[in-house]
């Protein structure tokens, strides 16, 4: 930059010069650090966000259809990486859900019930799941989780 360029002062060049002391500029937090974080989505659950006092209260007489409850529950069971839902049978009668069939361990049994209870419109869950009895189930639930995450013991 030449001396002549330094001597020329325009309104634009004046606006671009930050005249704040360096200490004050260092103390200020950038605007982007104050932005709210995006809502986290929990597997098998609704996005985490503000929960007001009227959440879950629909119009008078509204009831979610059994078909929508069935689809939502089946989708969530399918998406859960720790439940083998191939032997789970889901039936919906009104607002009551029945889970029957077999799962690999008690953790999967409880998780399937918890997922069903979280579905909008479900009033009661009948958990008739049983533990699968086979030689394949000799692994513990901890080993199943480690295998899914790619951690744990190496063969």
N, C-alpha and C. Protein backbone atom coordinates (compact mmCIF):
# COMPACT_ATOMS: atom_id res chain seq x y z
N UNK A 1 0.85 -1.16 0.00
CA UNK A 1 0.00 0.00 0.00
C UNK A 1 0.91 1.23 0.00
N UNK A 2 0.61 2.18 -0.84
CA UNK A 2 1.46 3.37 -0.96
C UNK A 2 1.07 4.41 0.09
N UNK A 3 1.95 5.40 0.27
CA UNK A 3 1.67 6.48 1.22
C UNK A 3 0.43 7.26 0.82
N UNK A 4 0.25 7.42 -0.47
CA UNK A 4 -0.91 8.16 -0.96
C UNK A 4 -2.20 7.45 -0.57
N UNK A 5 -2.23 6.10 -0.66
CA UNK A 5 -3.43 5.34 -0.28
C UNK A 5 -3.73 5.48 1.21
N UNK A 6 -2.70 5.56 2.03
CA UNK A 6 -2.91 5.72 3.46
C UNK A 6 -3.47 7.09 3.80
N UNK A 7 -3.10 8.08 3.02
CA UNK A 7 -3.53 9.44 3.30
C UNK A 7 -4.97 9.69 2.86
N UNK A 8 -5.48 8.90 1.92
CA UNK A 8 -6.85 9.09 1.44
C UNK A 8 -7.81 8.49 2.47
N UNK A 9 -8.73 9.32 2.93
CA UNK A 9 -9.71 8.85 3.90
C UNK A 9 -11.09 9.07 3.33
N UNK A 10 -11.81 8.00 3.23
CA UNK A 10 -13.18 8.10 2.75
C UNK A 10 -14.12 7.66 3.87
N UNK A 11 -15.41 8.00 3.77
CA UNK A 11 -16.35 7.55 4.80
C UNK A 11 -16.38 6.03 4.93
N UNK A 12 -16.20 5.33 3.81
CA UNK A 12 -16.22 3.88 3.85
C UNK A 12 -15.01 3.35 4.61
N UNK A 13 -13.83 3.90 4.32
CA UNK A 13 -12.64 3.41 5.02
C UNK A 13 -12.70 3.74 6.50
N UNK A 14 -13.33 4.85 6.86
CA UNK A 14 -13.48 5.21 8.27
C UNK A 14 -14.42 4.22 8.97
N UNK A 15 -15.46 3.79 8.28
CA UNK A 15 -16.43 2.87 8.88
C UNK A 15 -15.80 1.50 9.10
N UNK A 16 -14.85 1.13 8.25
CA UNK A 16 -14.24 -0.18 8.37
C UNK A 16 -13.19 -0.26 9.47
N UNK A 17 -12.71 0.88 9.94
CA UNK A 17 -11.70 0.89 10.98
C UNK A 17 -12.37 0.70 12.33
N UNK A 18 -11.93 -0.31 13.08
CA UNK A 18 -12.48 -0.56 14.41
C UNK A 18 -11.72 0.29 15.41
N UNK A 19 -12.40 1.26 16.00
CA UNK A 19 -11.74 2.19 16.91
C UNK A 19 -11.89 1.79 18.38
N UNK A 20 -12.48 0.61 18.65
CA UNK A 20 -12.62 0.16 20.04
C UNK A 20 -11.26 -0.29 20.58
N UNK A 21 -11.04 -0.08 21.84
CA UNK A 21 -9.81 -0.61 22.43
C UNK A 21 -9.78 -2.13 22.33
N UNK A 22 -8.61 -2.71 22.20
CA UNK A 22 -8.46 -4.15 22.04
C UNK A 22 -9.00 -4.91 23.25
N UNK A 23 -8.84 -4.38 24.45
CA UNK A 23 -9.32 -5.06 25.65
C UNK A 23 -10.84 -5.18 25.65
N UNK A 24 -11.53 -4.12 25.23
CA UNK A 24 -13.00 -4.15 25.19
C UNK A 24 -13.48 -5.14 24.14
N UNK A 25 -12.82 -5.16 22.99
CA UNK A 25 -13.21 -6.08 21.93
C UNK A 25 -13.01 -7.52 22.38
N UNK A 26 -11.99 -7.80 23.18
CA UNK A 26 -11.72 -9.15 23.64
C UNK A 26 -12.76 -9.60 24.67
N UNK A 27 -13.31 -8.65 25.46
CA UNK A 27 -14.29 -9.01 26.48
C UNK A 27 -15.66 -9.33 25.91
N UNK A 28 -16.00 -8.77 24.77
CA UNK A 28 -17.33 -8.98 24.19
C UNK A 28 -17.43 -10.38 23.60
N UNK A 29 -18.56 -11.01 23.84
CA UNK A 29 -18.80 -12.34 23.32
C UNK A 29 -19.41 -12.22 21.93
N UNK A 30 -18.94 -13.00 20.97
CA UNK A 30 -19.54 -12.95 19.64
C UNK A 30 -21.03 -13.29 19.70
N UNK A 31 -21.78 -12.71 18.80
CA UNK A 31 -23.24 -12.90 18.78
C UNK A 31 -23.60 -14.36 18.60
N UNK A 32 -22.84 -15.08 17.79
CA UNK A 32 -23.21 -16.47 17.50
C UNK A 32 -23.13 -17.36 18.73
N UNK A 33 -22.38 -16.98 19.76
CA UNK A 33 -22.30 -17.81 20.95
C UNK A 33 -23.57 -17.71 21.79
N UNK A 34 -24.40 -16.73 21.55
CA UNK A 34 -25.63 -16.57 22.32
C UNK A 34 -26.84 -17.21 21.64
N UNK A 35 -26.66 -17.69 20.43
CA UNK A 35 -27.78 -18.28 19.71
C UNK A 35 -28.19 -19.57 20.41
N UNK A 36 -29.49 -19.85 20.48
CA UNK A 36 -29.93 -21.09 21.12
C UNK A 36 -29.50 -22.29 20.30
N UNK A 37 -29.18 -23.35 20.98
CA UNK A 37 -28.77 -24.57 20.30
C UNK A 37 -29.98 -25.20 19.61
N UNK A 38 -29.71 -25.94 18.55
CA UNK A 38 -30.78 -26.64 17.86
C UNK A 38 -31.32 -27.73 18.78
N UNK A 39 -32.63 -27.99 18.73
CA UNK A 39 -33.18 -29.01 19.61
C UNK A 39 -32.55 -30.37 19.31
N UNK A 40 -32.24 -31.11 20.37
CA UNK A 40 -31.66 -32.43 20.21
C UNK A 40 -32.77 -33.43 20.03
N UNK A 41 -32.57 -34.38 19.14
CA UNK A 41 -33.55 -35.43 18.93
C UNK A 41 -33.06 -36.69 19.62
N UNK A 42 -33.87 -37.17 20.52
CA UNK A 42 -33.55 -38.37 21.25
C UNK A 42 -34.09 -39.55 20.46
N UNK A 43 -33.28 -40.59 20.30
CA UNK A 43 -33.80 -41.73 19.56
C UNK A 43 -35.07 -42.25 20.19
N UNK A 44 -36.09 -42.36 19.36
CA UNK A 44 -37.35 -42.85 19.86
C UNK A 44 -38.16 -41.82 20.60
N UNK A 45 -37.79 -40.60 20.48
CA UNK A 45 -38.52 -39.57 21.19
C UNK A 45 -38.73 -38.33 20.37
N UNK A 46 -39.49 -37.37 20.94
CA UNK A 46 -39.76 -36.12 20.27
C UNK A 46 -38.57 -35.18 20.45
N UNK A 47 -38.45 -34.17 19.60
CA UNK A 47 -37.36 -33.23 19.77
C UNK A 47 -37.43 -32.52 21.11
N UNK A 48 -36.27 -32.34 21.74
CA UNK A 48 -36.24 -31.64 23.01
C UNK A 48 -36.44 -30.15 22.75
N UNK A 49 -37.38 -29.55 23.38
CA UNK A 49 -37.67 -28.14 23.17
C UNK A 49 -38.50 -27.62 24.32
N UNK A 50 -39.01 -26.42 24.18
CA UNK A 50 -39.80 -25.85 25.26
C UNK A 50 -41.06 -26.68 25.51
N UNK A 51 -41.33 -26.93 26.75
CA UNK A 51 -42.51 -27.71 27.13
C UNK A 51 -43.43 -26.80 27.94
N UNK A 52 -44.44 -26.28 27.30
CA UNK A 52 -45.38 -25.41 27.98
C UNK A 52 -46.43 -26.19 28.74
N UNK A 53 -47.29 -25.50 29.48
CA UNK A 53 -48.28 -26.19 30.31
C UNK A 53 -49.41 -26.83 29.50
N UNK A 54 -49.53 -26.51 28.22
CA UNK A 54 -50.65 -27.03 27.43
C UNK A 54 -50.22 -28.08 26.42
N UNK A 55 -48.96 -28.50 26.46
CA UNK A 55 -48.49 -29.50 25.51
C UNK A 55 -49.23 -30.81 25.76
N UNK A 56 -49.74 -31.41 24.68
CA UNK A 56 -50.45 -32.67 24.78
C UNK A 56 -51.96 -32.52 24.93
N UNK A 57 -52.44 -31.29 25.04
CA UNK A 57 -53.89 -31.07 25.16
C UNK A 57 -54.45 -30.69 23.80
N UNK A 58 -55.16 -31.61 23.20
CA UNK A 58 -55.74 -31.37 21.88
C UNK A 58 -57.16 -30.86 21.96
N UNK A 59 -57.78 -30.66 20.82
CA UNK A 59 -59.17 -30.20 20.80
C UNK A 59 -60.11 -31.22 21.45
N UNK A 60 -61.21 -30.73 21.93
CA UNK A 60 -62.21 -31.59 22.59
C UNK A 60 -62.65 -32.69 21.63
N UNK A 61 -62.64 -33.91 22.12
CA UNK A 61 -63.09 -35.04 21.32
C UNK A 61 -62.04 -35.64 20.41
N UNK A 62 -60.84 -35.07 20.35
CA UNK A 62 -59.80 -35.59 19.46
C UNK A 62 -59.18 -36.84 20.06
N UNK A 63 -59.05 -37.85 19.24
CA UNK A 63 -58.34 -39.07 19.62
C UNK A 63 -57.50 -39.49 18.42
N UNK A 64 -56.27 -39.81 18.67
CA UNK A 64 -55.38 -40.23 17.59
C UNK A 64 -55.82 -41.60 17.10
N UNK A 65 -55.80 -41.80 15.81
CA UNK A 65 -56.29 -43.05 15.24
C UNK A 65 -55.33 -44.19 15.55
N UNK A 66 -55.88 -45.41 15.73
CA UNK A 66 -55.02 -46.57 15.98
C UNK A 66 -54.00 -46.81 14.88
N UNK A 67 -54.36 -46.49 13.64
CA UNK A 67 -53.42 -46.68 12.53
C UNK A 67 -52.20 -45.77 12.67
N UNK A 68 -52.42 -44.53 13.09
CA UNK A 68 -51.29 -43.61 13.29
C UNK A 68 -50.42 -44.04 14.46
N UNK A 69 -51.05 -44.51 15.53
CA UNK A 69 -50.30 -45.01 16.68
C UNK A 69 -49.45 -46.21 16.26
N UNK A 70 -50.05 -47.13 15.51
CA UNK A 70 -49.34 -48.33 15.04
C UNK A 70 -48.14 -47.95 14.18
N UNK A 71 -48.34 -47.07 13.22
CA UNK A 71 -47.25 -46.66 12.33
C UNK A 71 -46.12 -45.99 13.10
N UNK A 72 -46.47 -45.09 14.00
CA UNK A 72 -45.46 -44.37 14.78
C UNK A 72 -44.66 -45.33 15.65
N UNK A 73 -45.33 -46.24 16.31
CA UNK A 73 -44.64 -47.20 17.18
C UNK A 73 -43.75 -48.14 16.38
N UNK A 74 -44.25 -48.64 15.28
CA UNK A 74 -43.43 -49.54 14.45
C UNK A 74 -42.21 -48.82 13.90
N UNK A 75 -42.37 -47.57 13.48
CA UNK A 75 -41.23 -46.79 12.99
C UNK A 75 -40.18 -46.61 14.08
N UNK A 76 -40.62 -46.28 15.28
CA UNK A 76 -39.66 -46.05 16.37
C UNK A 76 -38.97 -47.33 16.81
N UNK A 77 -39.68 -48.44 16.83
CA UNK A 77 -39.04 -49.72 17.16
C UNK A 77 -38.03 -50.12 16.09
N UNK A 78 -38.36 -49.83 14.84
CA UNK A 78 -37.46 -50.15 13.73
C UNK A 78 -36.19 -49.31 13.79
N UNK A 79 -36.32 -48.04 14.16
CA UNK A 79 -35.18 -47.12 14.20
C UNK A 79 -34.27 -47.31 15.41
N UNK A 80 -34.73 -47.98 16.45
CA UNK A 80 -33.92 -48.15 17.66
C UNK A 80 -32.79 -49.14 17.37
N UNK A 81 -31.53 -48.70 17.56
CA UNK A 81 -30.41 -49.57 17.20
C UNK A 81 -30.16 -50.71 18.20
N UNK A 82 -30.82 -50.71 19.35
CA UNK A 82 -30.55 -51.71 20.37
C UNK A 82 -31.68 -52.71 20.55
N UNK A 83 -32.70 -52.63 19.71
CA UNK A 83 -33.82 -53.58 19.80
C UNK A 83 -33.95 -54.32 18.48
N UNK A 84 -33.90 -55.65 18.56
CA UNK A 84 -34.18 -56.47 17.38
C UNK A 84 -35.68 -56.71 17.39
N UNK A 85 -36.41 -55.94 16.59
CA UNK A 85 -37.88 -55.97 16.63
C UNK A 85 -38.48 -56.99 15.67
N UNK A 86 -37.68 -57.88 15.12
CA UNK A 86 -38.21 -58.82 14.13
C UNK A 86 -39.24 -59.79 14.72
N UNK A 87 -39.15 -60.08 16.01
CA UNK A 87 -40.10 -61.00 16.63
C UNK A 87 -41.13 -60.29 17.51
N UNK A 88 -41.24 -58.97 17.39
CA UNK A 88 -42.22 -58.22 18.18
C UNK A 88 -43.47 -58.01 17.34
N UNK A 89 -44.62 -58.31 17.95
CA UNK A 89 -45.90 -58.07 17.30
C UNK A 89 -46.59 -56.92 18.03
N UNK A 90 -47.03 -55.93 17.27
CA UNK A 90 -47.69 -54.75 17.82
C UNK A 90 -49.15 -54.78 17.42
N UNK A 91 -50.03 -54.67 18.42
CA UNK A 91 -51.46 -54.53 18.13
C UNK A 91 -51.98 -53.31 18.88
N UNK A 92 -52.88 -52.59 18.23
CA UNK A 92 -53.45 -51.38 18.82
C UNK A 92 -54.96 -51.51 18.81
N UNK A 93 -55.57 -51.35 19.99
CA UNK A 93 -57.02 -51.37 20.11
C UNK A 93 -57.42 -50.06 20.78
N UNK A 94 -57.97 -49.15 20.00
CA UNK A 94 -58.31 -47.83 20.53
C UNK A 94 -57.03 -47.08 20.85
N UNK A 95 -56.83 -46.82 22.13
CA UNK A 95 -55.60 -46.13 22.56
C UNK A 95 -54.69 -47.04 23.37
N UNK A 96 -55.01 -48.34 23.40
CA UNK A 96 -54.19 -49.30 24.14
C UNK A 96 -53.33 -50.11 23.19
N UNK A 97 -52.06 -50.28 23.56
CA UNK A 97 -51.09 -51.00 22.73
C UNK A 97 -50.73 -52.30 23.43
N UNK A 98 -50.62 -53.37 22.66
CA UNK A 98 -50.15 -54.64 23.18
C UNK A 98 -48.89 -55.04 22.42
N UNK A 99 -47.84 -55.29 23.18
CA UNK A 99 -46.58 -55.78 22.61
C UNK A 99 -46.46 -57.25 22.97
N UNK A 100 -46.30 -58.11 21.97
CA UNK A 100 -46.12 -59.53 22.24
C UNK A 100 -45.00 -60.05 21.34
N UNK A 101 -44.50 -61.23 21.70
CA UNK A 101 -43.40 -61.80 20.94
C UNK A 101 -42.19 -61.98 21.83
N UNK A 102 -41.01 -61.95 21.22
CA UNK A 102 -39.78 -62.22 21.96
C UNK A 102 -38.72 -61.19 21.63
N UNK A 103 -37.92 -60.86 22.66
CA UNK A 103 -36.78 -59.95 22.51
C UNK A 103 -35.55 -60.61 23.09
N UNK A 104 -34.38 -60.03 22.81
CA UNK A 104 -33.12 -60.66 23.20
C UNK A 104 -32.80 -60.55 24.69
N UNK A 105 -33.24 -59.48 25.37
CA UNK A 105 -32.91 -59.32 26.79
C UNK A 105 -33.91 -58.41 27.48
N UNK A 106 -33.78 -58.29 28.81
CA UNK A 106 -34.74 -57.48 29.58
C UNK A 106 -34.61 -55.99 29.27
N UNK A 107 -33.42 -55.56 28.90
CA UNK A 107 -33.25 -54.14 28.56
C UNK A 107 -34.08 -53.81 27.31
N UNK A 108 -34.04 -54.68 26.32
CA UNK A 108 -34.83 -54.47 25.10
C UNK A 108 -36.33 -54.51 25.42
N UNK A 109 -36.71 -55.37 26.35
CA UNK A 109 -38.12 -55.48 26.74
C UNK A 109 -38.59 -54.17 27.37
N UNK A 110 -37.80 -53.64 28.28
CA UNK A 110 -38.17 -52.39 28.95
C UNK A 110 -38.12 -51.21 27.98
N UNK A 111 -37.13 -51.21 27.11
CA UNK A 111 -36.99 -50.12 26.14
C UNK A 111 -38.18 -50.10 25.18
N UNK A 112 -38.62 -51.26 24.72
CA UNK A 112 -39.78 -51.34 23.82
C UNK A 112 -41.02 -50.79 24.51
N UNK A 113 -41.20 -51.13 25.79
CA UNK A 113 -42.35 -50.62 26.53
C UNK A 113 -42.25 -49.10 26.69
N UNK A 114 -41.06 -48.59 27.01
CA UNK A 114 -40.89 -47.15 27.18
C UNK A 114 -41.17 -46.40 25.88
N UNK A 115 -40.74 -46.97 24.77
CA UNK A 115 -41.01 -46.34 23.47
C UNK A 115 -42.51 -46.29 23.22
N UNK A 116 -43.20 -47.39 23.50
CA UNK A 116 -44.65 -47.44 23.30
C UNK A 116 -45.37 -46.43 24.18
N UNK A 117 -44.91 -46.26 25.42
CA UNK A 117 -45.55 -45.32 26.33
C UNK A 117 -45.36 -43.87 25.91
N UNK A 118 -44.29 -43.58 25.15
CA UNK A 118 -44.01 -42.22 24.71
C UNK A 118 -44.81 -41.80 23.48
N UNK A 119 -45.45 -42.73 22.82
CA UNK A 119 -46.20 -42.41 21.61
C UNK A 119 -47.43 -41.59 21.97
N UNK A 120 -47.63 -40.51 21.22
CA UNK A 120 -48.80 -39.65 21.45
C UNK A 120 -50.08 -40.43 21.21
N UNK A 121 -51.00 -40.33 22.15
CA UNK A 121 -52.30 -40.99 22.01
C UNK A 121 -52.40 -42.32 22.71
N UNK A 122 -51.30 -42.86 23.23
CA UNK A 122 -51.33 -44.16 23.90
C UNK A 122 -51.72 -43.95 25.36
N UNK A 123 -52.75 -44.68 25.80
CA UNK A 123 -53.20 -44.57 27.19
C UNK A 123 -52.64 -45.68 28.07
N UNK A 124 -52.39 -46.86 27.49
CA UNK A 124 -51.89 -47.98 28.28
C UNK A 124 -51.12 -48.93 27.38
N UNK A 125 -50.06 -49.54 27.94
CA UNK A 125 -49.26 -50.52 27.19
C UNK A 125 -49.32 -51.85 27.92
N UNK A 126 -49.75 -52.89 27.20
CA UNK A 126 -49.72 -54.25 27.72
C UNK A 126 -48.44 -54.90 27.20
N UNK A 127 -47.49 -55.13 28.09
CA UNK A 127 -46.21 -55.69 27.68
C UNK A 127 -46.24 -57.20 27.90
N UNK A 128 -46.40 -57.95 26.82
CA UNK A 128 -46.43 -59.41 26.89
C UNK A 128 -45.19 -59.99 26.21
N UNK A 129 -44.14 -59.20 26.16
CA UNK A 129 -42.89 -59.65 25.55
C UNK A 129 -42.22 -60.68 26.46
N UNK A 130 -41.56 -61.65 25.82
CA UNK A 130 -40.83 -62.67 26.57
C UNK A 130 -39.39 -62.67 26.09
N UNK A 131 -38.53 -63.23 26.91
CA UNK A 131 -37.12 -63.34 26.52
C UNK A 131 -36.95 -64.47 25.52
N UNK A 132 -36.17 -64.21 24.52
CA UNK A 132 -35.89 -65.19 23.48
C UNK A 132 -34.98 -66.26 24.08
N UNK A 133 -35.35 -67.51 23.89
CA UNK A 133 -34.54 -68.62 24.40
C UNK A 133 -33.82 -69.29 23.23
N UNK A 134 -32.54 -68.97 23.12
CA UNK A 134 -31.75 -69.61 22.07
C UNK A 134 -30.28 -69.50 22.43
N UNK A 135 -29.46 -70.24 21.73
CA UNK A 135 -28.02 -70.19 21.97
C UNK A 135 -27.43 -68.87 21.49
N UNK A 136 -28.15 -68.14 20.64
CA UNK A 136 -27.67 -66.86 20.12
C UNK A 136 -27.66 -65.79 21.20
N UNK A 137 -28.40 -65.97 22.27
CA UNK A 137 -28.56 -64.93 23.28
C UNK A 137 -27.55 -65.03 24.40
N UNK A 138 -26.43 -65.68 24.17
CA UNK A 138 -25.43 -65.80 25.22
C UNK A 138 -24.65 -64.52 25.46
N UNK A 139 -24.79 -63.55 24.58
CA UNK A 139 -24.10 -62.28 24.79
C UNK A 139 -24.91 -61.41 25.73
N UNK A 140 -24.23 -60.64 26.54
CA UNK A 140 -24.92 -59.74 27.46
C UNK A 140 -25.34 -58.49 26.72
N UNK A 141 -26.24 -57.71 27.34
CA UNK A 141 -26.69 -56.48 26.70
C UNK A 141 -25.54 -55.48 26.55
N UNK A 142 -24.60 -55.50 27.51
CA UNK A 142 -23.43 -54.62 27.40
C UNK A 142 -22.60 -54.96 26.18
N UNK A 143 -22.44 -56.25 25.90
CA UNK A 143 -21.68 -56.66 24.71
C UNK A 143 -22.43 -56.26 23.44
N UNK A 144 -23.75 -56.32 23.48
CA UNK A 144 -24.55 -55.91 22.32
C UNK A 144 -24.36 -54.43 22.04
N UNK A 145 -24.39 -53.61 23.08
CA UNK A 145 -24.20 -52.17 22.92
C UNK A 145 -22.79 -51.87 22.42
N UNK A 146 -21.79 -52.53 23.01
CA UNK A 146 -20.41 -52.31 22.56
C UNK A 146 -20.22 -52.72 21.10
N UNK A 147 -20.84 -53.82 20.70
CA UNK A 147 -20.72 -54.26 19.32
C UNK A 147 -21.37 -53.25 18.38
N UNK A 148 -22.52 -52.68 18.78
CA UNK A 148 -23.20 -51.70 17.94
C UNK A 148 -22.39 -50.42 17.82
N UNK A 149 -21.67 -50.05 18.90
CA UNK A 149 -20.88 -48.83 18.89
C UNK A 149 -19.47 -49.04 18.35
N UNK A 150 -19.08 -50.30 18.18
CA UNK A 150 -17.75 -50.59 17.67
C UNK A 150 -16.68 -50.47 18.74
N UNK A 151 -17.06 -50.64 20.00
CA UNK A 151 -16.10 -50.55 21.10
C UNK A 151 -16.08 -51.89 21.83
N UNK A 152 -15.30 -51.99 22.87
CA UNK A 152 -15.28 -53.19 23.68
C UNK A 152 -14.18 -54.13 23.28
N UNK A 153 -14.39 -55.41 23.63
CA UNK A 153 -13.37 -56.44 23.39
C UNK A 153 -13.20 -56.68 21.90
N UNK A 154 -11.96 -56.91 21.52
CA UNK A 154 -11.65 -57.27 20.14
C UNK A 154 -11.42 -58.78 20.07
N UNK A 155 -12.01 -59.45 19.08
CA UNK A 155 -11.86 -60.91 19.01
C UNK A 155 -10.45 -61.33 18.66
